[in-house]
C-alpha atoms as a PDB file:
ATOM      1  CA  UNK A   1      -9.787   6.531  15.675  1.00  0.00           C
ATOM      2  CA  UNK A   2      -8.733   6.349  12.028  1.00  0.00           C
ATOM      3  CA  UNK A   3     -10.936   4.901   9.306  1.00  0.00           C
ATOM      4  CA  UNK A   4      -9.107   2.229   7.362  1.00  0.00           C
ATOM      5  CA  UNK A   5      -9.673   1.875   3.624  1.00  0.00           C
ATOM      6  CA  UNK A   6     -12.234   4.663   3.639  1.00  0.00           C
ATOM      7  CA  UNK A   7     -14.798   3.985   0.875  1.00  0.00           C
ATOM      8  CA  UNK A   8     -14.545   7.649  -0.164  1.00  0.00           C
ATOM      9  CA  UNK A   9     -10.906   7.067  -1.174  1.00  0.00           C
ATOM     10  CA  UNK A  10     -11.545   3.820  -3.080  1.00  0.00           C
ATOM     11  CA  UNK A  11     -11.423   5.425  -6.538  1.00  0.00           C
ATOM     12  CA  UNK A  12      -8.194   7.276  -5.713  1.00  0.00           C
ATOM     13  CA  UNK A  13      -6.558   4.091  -4.344  1.00  0.00           C
ATOM     14  CA  UNK A  14      -7.509   2.218  -7.512  1.00  0.00           C
ATOM     15  CA  UNK A  15      -5.982   4.927  -9.734  1.00  0.00           C
ATOM     16  CA  UNK A  16      -2.773   4.853  -7.710  1.00  0.00           C
ATOM     17  CA  UNK A  17      -2.538   1.061  -8.100  1.00  0.00           C
ATOM     18  CA  UNK A  18      -2.971   1.415 -11.864  1.00  0.00           C
ATOM     19  CA  UNK A  19      -0.288   4.116 -12.134  1.00  0.00           C
ATOM     20  CA  UNK A  20       2.535   2.796  -9.965  1.00  0.00           C
ATOM     21  CA  UNK A  21       6.082   4.097 -10.276  1.00  0.00           C
ATOM     22  CA  UNK A  22       8.804   1.675 -11.336  1.00  0.00           C
ATOM     23  CA  UNK A  23      10.095   1.613  -7.753  1.00  0.00           C
ATOM     24  CA  UNK A  24       6.636   0.670  -6.456  1.00  0.00           C
ATOM     25  CA  UNK A  25       6.298  -2.078  -9.081  1.00  0.00           C
ATOM     26  CA  UNK A  26       9.663  -3.535  -8.107  1.00  0.00           C
ATOM     27  CA  UNK A  27       8.947  -3.487  -4.381  1.00  0.00           C
ATOM     28  CA  UNK A  28       5.419  -4.874  -4.859  1.00  0.00           C
ATOM     29  CA  UNK A  29       6.857  -7.818  -6.810  1.00  0.00           C
ATOM     30  CA  UNK A  30       8.846  -8.710  -3.666  1.00  0.00           C
ATOM     31  CA  UNK A  31       6.084  -8.048  -1.112  1.00  0.00           C
ATOM     32  CA  UNK A  32       3.019  -9.543  -2.806  1.00  0.00           C
ATOM     33  CA  UNK A  33       1.593 -12.951  -1.936  1.00  0.00           C
ATOM     34  CA  UNK A  34       3.484 -13.037   1.388  1.00  0.00           C
ATOM     35  CA  UNK A  35       6.830 -13.409  -0.421  1.00  0.00           C
ATOM     36  CA  UNK A  36       8.643 -11.326   2.191  1.00  0.00           C
ATOM     37  CA  UNK A  37       9.063 -13.711   5.142  1.00  0.00           C
ATOM     38  CA  UNK A  38       5.383 -14.687   4.958  1.00  0.00           C
ATOM     39  CA  UNK A  39       4.210 -11.165   5.885  1.00  0.00           C
ATOM     40  CA  UNK A  40       0.957  -9.933   4.339  1.00  0.00           C
ATOM     41  CA  UNK A  41       1.160  -6.486   2.714  1.00  0.00           C
ATOM     42  CA  UNK A  42      -1.496  -4.366   1.076  1.00  0.00           C
ATOM     43  CA  UNK A  43      -0.757  -1.683  -1.497  1.00  0.00           C
ATOM     44  CA  UNK A  44      -2.444   1.705  -1.621  1.00  0.00           C
ATOM     45  CA  UNK A  45      -3.994   1.182   1.799  1.00  0.00           C
ATOM     46  CA  UNK A  46      -5.692   4.156   3.423  1.00  0.00           C
ATOM     47  CA  UNK A  47      -5.625   5.116   7.075  1.00  0.00           C
ATOM     48  CA  UNK A  48      -7.567   8.259   7.859  1.00  0.00           C
ATOM     49  CA  UNK A  49      -7.133  10.598   4.907  1.00  0.00           C
ATOM     50  CA  UNK A  50      -3.662   9.238   4.042  1.00  0.00           C
ATOM     51  CA  UNK A  51      -3.057   6.642   1.334  1.00  0.00           C
ATOM     52  CA  UNK A  52       0.005   4.518   2.081  1.00  0.00           C
ATOM     53  CA  UNK A  53       1.961   2.844  -0.708  1.00  0.00           C
ATOM     54  CA  UNK A  54       2.317  -0.414   1.256  1.00  0.00           C
ATOM     55  CA  UNK A  55       1.007  -1.514   4.640  1.00  0.00           C
ATOM     56  CA  UNK A  56       1.396  -4.600   6.834  1.00  0.00           C
ATOM     57  CA  UNK A  57      -1.349  -4.686   9.493  1.00  0.00           C
ATOM     58  CA  UNK A  58       0.382  -7.498  11.406  1.00  0.00           C
ATOM     59  CA  UNK A  59       3.372  -5.245  12.113  1.00  0.00           C
ATOM     60  CA  UNK A  60       1.566  -1.913  11.760  1.00  0.00           C
ATOM     61  CA  UNK A  61       4.295  -1.081   9.256  1.00  0.00           C
ATOM     62  CA  UNK A  62       3.791   1.498   6.509  1.00  0.00           C
ATOM     63  CA  UNK A  63       6.133   1.893   3.536  1.00  0.00           C
ATOM     64  CA  UNK A  64       6.045   5.042   1.452  1.00  0.00           C
ATOM     65  CA  UNK A  65       8.139   5.387  -1.730  1.00  0.00           C
ATOM     66  CA  UNK A  66       8.868   8.724  -3.328  1.00  0.00           C
ATOM     67  CA  UNK A  67      10.645   9.137  -6.637  1.00  0.00           C
ATOM     68  CA  UNK A  68      12.747   6.562  -8.424  1.00  0.00           C
END
């Protein structure tokens, strides 16, 4: 059983949201507010000790961006 959005990682998730890469900013602009086919996404969502860049719980889909 994984802990989702572990309170111990809250500060780290917040820092990651404040310091997004350009690629993350661009993708978030397309995913936020259910703009992508009405699917809800969260950014900097933690599952266990991992922090995912983007996560859709409805589809159990994680998106991780590295680099530009």
